[in-house]
């Protein structure tokens, strides 16, 4: 038996579910950040393109939502 509570929780299915969710959200967050960076680079070459601007707004909203979900999941794990 471990002295630390979190060492023992690694075997609990509930914590595995939360950890898996955190990993998935982290991967999604990284992908959205990459897409946003590419879109912003495209905007520099075409600053008047409204479609690119709209895409950036959508990506920023998705990024914010994903960050909020990730923070909520991290609070559950702590």
PDB file of N, CA and C in Angstrom:
ATOM      1  N   UNK A   1       0.850  -1.179   0.000  1.00  0.00           N
ATOM      2  CA  UNK A   1       0.000   0.000   0.000  1.00  0.00           C
ATOM      3  C   UNK A   1       0.894   1.240   0.000  1.00  0.00           C
ATOM      4  N   UNK A   2       0.547   2.168  -0.844  1.00  0.00           N
ATOM      5  CA  UNK A   2       1.355   3.370  -1.016  1.00  0.00           C
ATOM      6  C   UNK A   2       0.991   4.424   0.019  1.00  0.00           C
ATOM      7  N   UNK A   3       1.951   5.296   0.270  1.00  0.00           N
ATOM      8  CA  UNK A   3       1.703   6.408   1.198  1.00  0.00           C
ATOM      9  C   UNK A   3       0.898   7.512   0.532  1.00  0.00           C
ATOM     10  N   UNK A   4       0.880   7.522  -0.766  1.00  0.00           N
ATOM     11  CA  UNK A   4       0.243   8.611  -1.499  1.00  0.00           C
ATOM     12  C   UNK A   4      -1.052   8.151  -2.137  1.00  0.00           C
ATOM     13  N   UNK A   5      -2.080   8.936  -1.953  1.00  0.00           N
ATOM     14  CA  UNK A   5      -3.397   8.606  -2.475  1.00  0.00           C
ATOM     15  C   UNK A   5      -3.378   8.450  -3.993  1.00  0.00           C
ATOM     16  N   UNK A   6      -2.744   9.386  -4.706  1.00  0.00           N
ATOM     17  CA  UNK A   6      -2.769   9.358  -6.166  1.00  0.00           C
ATOM     18  C   UNK A   6      -2.038   8.154  -6.738  1.00  0.00           C
ATOM     19  N   UNK A   7      -1.095   7.586  -6.021  1.00  0.00           N
ATOM     20  CA  UNK A   7      -0.429   6.384  -6.489  1.00  0.00           C
ATOM     21  C   UNK A   7      -1.402   5.212  -6.557  1.00  0.00           C
ATOM     22  N   UNK A   8      -2.344   5.175  -5.658  1.00  0.00           N
ATOM     23  CA  UNK A   8      -3.311   4.084  -5.614  1.00  0.00           C
ATOM     24  C   UNK A   8      -4.439   4.265  -6.619  1.00  0.00           C
ATOM     25  N   UNK A   9      -4.726   5.488  -7.005  1.00  0.00           N
ATOM     26  CA  UNK A   9      -5.845   5.744  -7.909  1.00  0.00           C
ATOM     27  C   UNK A   9      -5.558   5.309  -9.335  1.00  0.00           C
ATOM     28  N   UNK A  10      -4.317   5.034  -9.674  1.00  0.00           N
ATOM     29  CA  UNK A  10      -3.986   4.608 -11.031  1.00  0.00           C
ATOM     30  C   UNK A  10      -4.719   3.333 -11.424  1.00  0.00           C
ATOM     31  N   UNK A  11      -5.075   2.530 -10.468  1.00  0.00           N
ATOM     32  CA  UNK A  11      -5.775   1.282 -10.753  1.00  0.00           C
ATOM     33  C   UNK A  11      -7.296   1.446 -10.815  1.00  0.00           C
ATOM     34  N   UNK A  12      -7.794   2.565 -10.423  1.00  0.00           N
ATOM     35  CA  UNK A  12      -9.238   2.770 -10.382  1.00  0.00           C
ATOM     36  C   UNK A  12      -9.771   3.083 -11.780  1.00  0.00           C
ATOM     37  N   UNK A  13     -10.817   2.398 -12.209  1.00  0.00           N
ATOM     38  CA  UNK A  13     -11.365   2.626 -13.556  1.00  0.00           C
ATOM     39  C   UNK A  13     -11.861   4.061 -13.768  1.00  0.00           C
ATOM     40  N   UNK A  14     -12.396   4.670 -12.712  1.00  0.00           N
ATOM     41  CA  UNK A  14     -12.907   6.041 -12.848  1.00  0.00           C
ATOM     42  C   UNK A  14     -11.793   7.012 -13.214  1.00  0.00           C
ATOM     43  N   UNK A  15     -10.651   6.837 -12.598  1.00  0.00           N
ATOM     44  CA  UNK A  15      -9.524   7.728 -12.885  1.00  0.00           C
ATOM     45  C   UNK A  15      -8.928   7.436 -14.261  1.00  0.00           C
ATOM     46  N   UNK A  16      -8.989   6.188 -14.682  1.00  0.00           N
ATOM     47  CA  UNK A  16      -8.504   5.856 -16.028  1.00  0.00           C
ATOM     48  C   UNK A  16      -9.374   6.539 -17.072  1.00  0.00           C
ATOM     49  N   UNK A  17     -10.668   6.570 -16.853  1.00  0.00           N
ATOM     50  CA  UNK A  17     -11.584   7.240 -17.784  1.00  0.00           C
ATOM     51  C   UNK A  17     -11.249   8.725 -17.873  1.00  0.00           C
ATOM     52  N   UNK A  18     -11.042   9.346 -16.723  1.00  0.00           N
ATOM     53  CA  UNK A  18     -10.717  10.776 -16.698  1.00  0.00           C
ATOM     54  C   UNK A  18      -9.364  11.020 -17.363  1.00  0.00           C
ATOM     55  N   UNK A  19      -8.384  10.190 -17.068  1.00  0.00           N
ATOM     56  CA  UNK A  19      -7.058  10.334 -17.682  1.00  0.00           C
ATOM     57  C   UNK A  19      -7.123  10.185 -19.196  1.00  0.00           C
ATOM     58  N   UNK A  20      -7.910   9.219 -19.663  1.00  0.00           N
ATOM     59  CA  UNK A  20      -8.067   9.015 -21.110  1.00  0.00           C
ATOM     60  C   UNK A  20      -8.731  10.227 -21.756  1.00  0.00           C
ATOM     61  N   UNK A  21      -9.724  10.784 -21.065  1.00  0.00           N
ATOM     62  CA  UNK A  21     -10.398  11.975 -21.578  1.00  0.00           C
ATOM     63  C   UNK A  21      -9.424  13.156 -21.649  1.00  0.00           C
ATOM     64  N   UNK A  22      -8.598  13.293 -20.630  1.00  0.00           N
ATOM     65  CA  UNK A  22      -7.605  14.375 -20.611  1.00  0.00           C
ATOM     66  C   UNK A  22      -6.632  14.205 -21.767  1.00  0.00           C
ATOM     67  N   UNK A  23      -6.168  12.991 -21.994  1.00  0.00           N
ATOM     68  CA  UNK A  23      -5.246  12.740 -23.105  1.00  0.00           C
ATOM     69  C   UNK A  23      -5.887  13.071 -24.446  1.00  0.00           C
ATOM     70  N   UNK A  24      -7.143  12.671 -24.634  1.00  0.00           N
ATOM     71  CA  UNK A  24      -7.847  12.937 -25.887  1.00  0.00           C
ATOM     72  C   UNK A  24      -8.037  14.442 -26.087  1.00  0.00           C
ATOM     73  N   UNK A  25      -8.423  15.147 -25.034  1.00  0.00           N
ATOM     74  CA  UNK A  25      -8.607  16.595 -25.140  1.00  0.00           C
ATOM     75  C   UNK A  25      -7.284  17.300 -25.406  1.00  0.00           C
ATOM     76  N   UNK A  26      -6.215  16.799 -24.831  1.00  0.00           N
ATOM     77  CA  UNK A  26      -4.903  17.386 -25.054  1.00  0.00           C
ATOM     78  C   UNK A  26      -4.492  17.234 -26.521  1.00  0.00           C
ATOM     79  N   UNK A  27      -4.733  16.069 -27.087  1.00  0.00           N
ATOM     80  CA  UNK A  27      -4.427  15.835 -28.504  1.00  0.00           C
ATOM     81  C   UNK A  27      -5.280  16.756 -29.383  1.00  0.00           C
ATOM     82  N   UNK A  28      -6.563  16.875 -29.057  1.00  0.00           N
ATOM     83  CA  UNK A  28      -7.467  17.743 -29.810  1.00  0.00           C
ATOM     84  C   UNK A  28      -7.020  19.201 -29.721  1.00  0.00           C
ATOM     85  N   UNK A  29      -6.594  19.612 -28.543  1.00  0.00           N
ATOM     86  CA  UNK A  29      -6.123  20.980 -28.334  1.00  0.00           C
ATOM     87  C   UNK A  29      -4.890  21.267 -29.190  1.00  0.00           C
ATOM     88  N   UNK A  30      -3.948  20.351 -29.205  1.00  0.00           N
ATOM     89  CA  UNK A  30      -2.743  20.527 -30.022  1.00  0.00           C
ATOM     90  C   UNK A  30      -3.078  20.613 -31.507  1.00  0.00           C
ATOM     91  N   UNK A  31      -4.007  19.797 -31.962  1.00  0.00           N
ATOM     92  CA  UNK A  31      -4.409  19.817 -33.370  1.00  0.00           C
ATOM     93  C   UNK A  31      -5.091  21.147 -33.724  1.00  0.00           C
ATOM     94  N   UNK A  32      -5.966  21.627 -32.841  1.00  0.00           N
ATOM     95  CA  UNK A  32      -6.620  22.913 -33.089  1.00  0.00           C
ATOM     96  C   UNK A  32      -5.605  24.055 -33.112  1.00  0.00           C
ATOM     97  N   UNK A  33      -4.627  24.005 -32.236  1.00  0.00           N
ATOM     98  CA  UNK A  33      -3.588  25.038 -32.220  1.00  0.00           C
ATOM     99  C   UNK A  33      -2.793  25.018 -33.527  1.00  0.00           C
ATOM    100  N   UNK A  34      -2.505  23.825 -34.028  1.00  0.00           N
ATOM    101  CA  UNK A  34      -1.776  23.703 -35.292  1.00  0.00           C
ATOM    102  C   UNK A  34      -2.607  24.262 -36.443  1.00  0.00           C
ATOM    103  N   UNK A  35      -3.898  23.913 -36.474  1.00  0.00           N
ATOM    104  CA  UNK A  35      -4.784  24.408 -37.524  1.00  0.00           C
ATOM    105  C   UNK A  35      -4.912  25.931 -37.469  1.00  0.00           C
ATOM    106  N   UNK A  36      -5.017  26.474 -36.259  1.00  0.00           N
ATOM    107  CA  UNK A  36      -5.127  27.919 -36.100  1.00  0.00           C
ATOM    108  C   UNK A  36      -3.857  28.607 -36.587  1.00  0.00           C
ATOM    109  N   UNK A  37      -2.724  28.041 -36.259  1.00  0.00           N
ATOM    110  CA  UNK A  37      -1.464  28.625 -36.705  1.00  0.00           C
ATOM    111  C   UNK A  37      -1.384  28.633 -38.240  1.00  0.00           C
ATOM    112  N   UNK A  38      -1.801  27.550 -38.873  1.00  0.00           N
ATOM    113  CA  UNK A  38      -1.800  27.483 -40.333  1.00  0.00           C
ATOM    114  C   UNK A  38      -2.771  28.503 -40.925  1.00  0.00           C
ATOM    115  N   UNK A  39      -3.941  28.631 -40.313  1.00  0.00           N
ATOM    116  CA  UNK A  39      -4.940  29.578 -40.816  1.00  0.00           C
ATOM    117  C   UNK A  39      -4.449  31.015 -40.676  1.00  0.00           C
ATOM    118  N   UNK A  40      -3.806  31.322 -39.558  1.00  0.00           N
ATOM    119  CA  UNK A  40      -3.282  32.670 -39.364  1.00  0.00           C
ATOM    120  C   UNK A  40      -2.148  32.966 -40.342  1.00  0.00           C
ATOM    121  N   UNK A  41      -1.367  31.963 -40.687  1.00  0.00           N
ATOM    122  CA  UNK A  41      -0.334  32.143 -41.709  1.00  0.00           C
ATOM    123  C   UNK A  41      -0.976  32.432 -43.063  1.00  0.00           C
ATOM    124  N   UNK A  42      -2.058  31.745 -43.354  1.00  0.00           N
ATOM    125  CA  UNK A  42      -2.795  31.984 -44.596  1.00  0.00           C
ATOM    126  C   UNK A  42      -3.394  33.372 -44.641  1.00  0.00           C
ATOM    127  N   UNK A  43      -3.802  33.869 -43.492  1.00  0.00           N
ATOM    128  CA  UNK A  43      -4.382  35.214 -43.422  1.00  0.00           C
ATOM    129  C   UNK A  43      -3.324  36.272 -43.724  1.00  0.00           C
ATOM    130  N   UNK A  44      -2.092  36.023 -43.348  1.00  0.00           N
ATOM    131  CA  UNK A  44      -1.027  36.982 -43.635  1.00  0.00           C
ATOM    132  C   UNK A  44      -0.800  37.125 -45.137  1.00  0.00           C
ATOM    133  N   UNK A  45      -0.968  36.030 -45.867  1.00  0.00           N
ATOM    134  CA  UNK A  45      -0.776  36.103 -47.312  1.00  0.00           C
ATOM    135  C   UNK A  45      -2.018  36.616 -48.040  1.00  0.00           C
ATOM    136  N   UNK A  46      -3.191  36.500 -47.386  1.00  0.00           N
ATOM    137  CA  UNK A  46      -4.451  36.967 -47.981  1.00  0.00           C
ATOM    138  C   UNK A  46      -5.264  37.726 -46.935  1.00  0.00           C
ATOM    139  N   UNK A  47      -4.829  38.913 -46.523  1.00  0.00           N
ATOM    140  CA  UNK A  47      -5.507  39.622 -45.421  1.00  0.00           C
ATOM    141  C   UNK A  47      -6.950  40.031 -45.713  1.00  0.00           C
ATOM    142  N   UNK A  48      -7.317  40.094 -46.983  1.00  0.00           N
ATOM    143  CA  UNK A  48      -8.684  40.512 -47.323  1.00  0.00           C
ATOM    144  C   UNK A  48      -9.663  39.350 -47.448  1.00  0.00           C
ATOM    145  N   UNK A  49      -9.204  38.132 -47.285  1.00  0.00           N
ATOM    146  CA  UNK A  49     -10.023  36.940 -47.464  1.00  0.00           C
ATOM    147  C   UNK A  49     -10.934  36.732 -46.246  1.00  0.00           C
ATOM    148  N   UNK A  50     -12.241  36.949 -46.440  1.00  0.00           N
ATOM    149  CA  UNK A  50     -13.222  36.827 -45.357  1.00  0.00           C
ATOM    150  C   UNK A  50     -13.431  35.375 -44.927  1.00  0.00           C
ATOM    151  N   UNK A  51     -13.254  34.434 -45.859  1.00  0.00           N
ATOM    152  CA  UNK A  51     -13.415  33.015 -45.515  1.00  0.00           C
ATOM    153  C   UNK A  51     -12.353  32.570 -44.515  1.00  0.00           C
ATOM    154  N   UNK A  52     -11.138  33.034 -44.723  1.00  0.00           N
ATOM    155  CA  UNK A  52     -10.053  32.691 -43.808  1.00  0.00           C
ATOM    156  C   UNK A  52     -10.319  33.307 -42.438  1.00  0.00           C
ATOM    157  N   UNK A  53     -10.794  34.556 -42.416  1.00  0.00           N
ATOM    158  CA  UNK A  53     -11.114  35.224 -41.149  1.00  0.00           C
ATOM    159  C   UNK A  53     -12.207  34.473 -40.395  1.00  0.00           C
ATOM    160  N   UNK A  54     -13.224  34.017 -41.125  1.00  0.00           N
ATOM    161  CA  UNK A  54     -14.319  33.266 -40.499  1.00  0.00           C
ATOM    162  C   UNK A  54     -13.802  31.938 -39.951  1.00  0.00           C
ATOM    163  N   UNK A  55     -12.933  31.283 -40.715  1.00  0.00           N
ATOM    164  CA  UNK A  55     -12.360  30.024 -40.256  1.00  0.00           C
ATOM    165  C   UNK A  55     -11.542  30.201 -38.987  1.00  0.00           C
ATOM    166  N   UNK A  56     -10.824  31.309 -38.904  1.00  0.00           N
ATOM    167  CA  UNK A  56     -10.027  31.600 -37.709  1.00  0.00           C
ATOM    168  C   UNK A  56     -10.937  31.819 -36.503  1.00  0.00           C
ATOM    169  N   UNK A  57     -12.036  32.525 -36.711  1.00  0.00           N
ATOM    170  CA  UNK A  57     -12.986  32.742 -35.601  1.00  0.00           C
ATOM    171  C   UNK A  57     -13.548  31.415 -35.099  1.00  0.00           C
ATOM    172  N   UNK A  58     -13.895  30.524 -36.026  1.00  0.00           N
ATOM    173  CA  UNK A  58     -14.436  29.210 -35.653  1.00  0.00           C
ATOM    174  C   UNK A  58     -13.380  28.403 -34.891  1.00  0.00           C
ATOM    175  N   UNK A  59     -12.151  28.411 -35.390  1.00  0.00           N
ATOM    176  CA  UNK A  59     -11.081  27.672 -34.724  1.00  0.00           C
ATOM    177  C   UNK A  59     -10.806  28.217 -33.323  1.00  0.00           C
ATOM    178  N   UNK A  60     -10.826  29.540 -33.183  1.00  0.00           N
ATOM    179  CA  UNK A  60     -10.595  30.136 -31.858  1.00  0.00           C
ATOM    180  C   UNK A  60     -11.694  29.738 -30.883  1.00  0.00           C
ATOM    181  N   UNK A  61     -12.941  29.690 -31.367  1.00  0.00           N
ATOM    182  CA  UNK A  61     -14.057  29.289 -30.507  1.00  0.00           C
ATOM    183  C   UNK A  61     -13.908  27.817 -30.091  1.00  0.00           C
ATOM    184  N   UNK A  62     -13.576  26.946 -31.055  1.00  0.00           N
ATOM    185  CA  UNK A  62     -13.371  25.530 -30.733  1.00  0.00           C
ATOM    186  C   UNK A  62     -12.209  25.352 -29.761  1.00  0.00           C
ATOM    187  N   UNK A  63     -11.157  26.136 -29.967  1.00  0.00           N
ATOM    188  CA  UNK A  63      -9.985  26.072 -29.098  1.00  0.00           C
ATOM    189  C   UNK A  63     -10.355  26.460 -27.672  1.00  0.00           C
ATOM    190  N   UNK A  64     -11.137  27.521 -27.545  1.00  0.00           N
ATOM    191  CA  UNK A  64     -11.560  27.964 -26.214  1.00  0.00           C
ATOM    192  C   UNK A  64     -12.441  26.909 -25.538  1.00  0.00           C
ATOM    193  N   UNK A  65     -13.366  26.324 -26.285  1.00  0.00           N
ATOM    194  CA  UNK A  65     -14.243  25.291 -25.726  1.00  0.00           C
ATOM    195  C   UNK A  65     -13.435  24.067 -25.282  1.00  0.00           C
ATOM    196  N   UNK A  66     -12.470  23.680 -26.085  1.00  0.00           N
ATOM    197  CA  UNK A  66     -11.639  22.525 -25.751  1.00  0.00           C
ATOM    198  C   UNK A  66     -10.785  22.807 -24.520  1.00  0.00           C
ATOM    199  N   UNK A  67     -10.244  24.021 -24.432  1.00  0.00           N
ATOM    200  CA  UNK A  67      -9.461  24.395 -23.251  1.00  0.00           C
ATOM    201  C   UNK A  67     -10.322  24.345 -21.991  1.00  0.00           C
ATOM    202  N   UNK A  68     -11.571  24.808 -22.093  1.00  0.00           N
ATOM    203  CA  UNK A  68     -12.472  24.779 -20.938  1.00  0.00           C
ATOM    204  C   UNK A  68     -12.773  23.336 -20.521  1.00  0.00           C
ATOM    205  N   UNK A  69     -13.031  22.470 -21.500  1.00  0.00           N
ATOM    206  CA  UNK A  69     -13.286  21.055 -21.190  1.00  0.00           C
ATOM    207  C   UNK A  69     -12.064  20.412 -20.543  1.00  0.00           C
ATOM    208  N   UNK A  70     -10.890  20.731 -21.076  1.00  0.00           N
ATOM    209  CA  UNK A  70      -9.655  20.171 -20.535  1.00  0.00           C
ATOM    210  C   UNK A  70      -9.441  20.642 -19.098  1.00  0.00           C
ATOM    211  N   UNK A  71      -9.647  21.916 -18.850  1.00  0.00           N
ATOM    212  CA  UNK A  71      -9.487  22.434 -17.489  1.00  0.00           C
ATOM    213  C   UNK A  71     -10.477  21.786 -16.527  1.00  0.00           C
ATOM    214  N   UNK A  72     -11.698  21.572 -16.986  1.00  0.00           N
ATOM    215  CA  UNK A  72     -12.704  20.912 -16.150  1.00  0.00           C
ATOM    216  C   UNK A  72     -12.292  19.473 -15.835  1.00  0.00           C
ATOM    217  N   UNK A  73     -11.793  18.772 -16.834  1.00  0.00           N
ATOM    218  CA  UNK A  73     -11.344  17.390 -16.618  1.00  0.00           C
ATOM    219  C   UNK A  73     -10.137  17.342 -15.695  1.00  0.00           C
ATOM    220  N   UNK A  74      -9.236  18.297 -15.853  1.00  0.00           N
ATOM    221  CA  UNK A  74      -8.066  18.344 -14.977  1.00  0.00           C
ATOM    222  C   UNK A  74      -8.468  18.599 -13.524  1.00  0.00           C
ATOM    223  N   UNK A  75      -9.484  19.427 -13.313  1.00  0.00           N
ATOM    224  CA  UNK A  75      -9.965  19.669 -11.942  1.00  0.00           C
ATOM    225  C   UNK A  75     -10.544  18.396 -11.342  1.00  0.00           C
ATOM    226  N   UNK A  76     -11.206  17.582 -12.168  1.00  0.00           N
ATOM    227  CA  UNK A  76     -11.771  16.323 -11.671  1.00  0.00           C
ATOM    228  C   UNK A  76     -10.674  15.350 -11.275  1.00  0.00           C
ATOM    229  N   UNK A  77      -9.571  15.394 -11.978  1.00  0.00           N
ATOM    230  CA  UNK A  77      -8.483  14.435 -11.732  1.00  0.00           C
ATOM    231  C   UNK A  77      -7.670  14.807 -10.511  1.00  0.00           C
ATOM    232  N   UNK A  78      -7.644  16.076 -10.184  1.00  0.00           N
ATOM    233  CA  UNK A  78      -6.826  16.519  -9.046  1.00  0.00           C
ATOM    234  C   UNK A  78      -7.488  16.232  -7.739  1.00  0.00           C
TER     235      UNK A  78
END
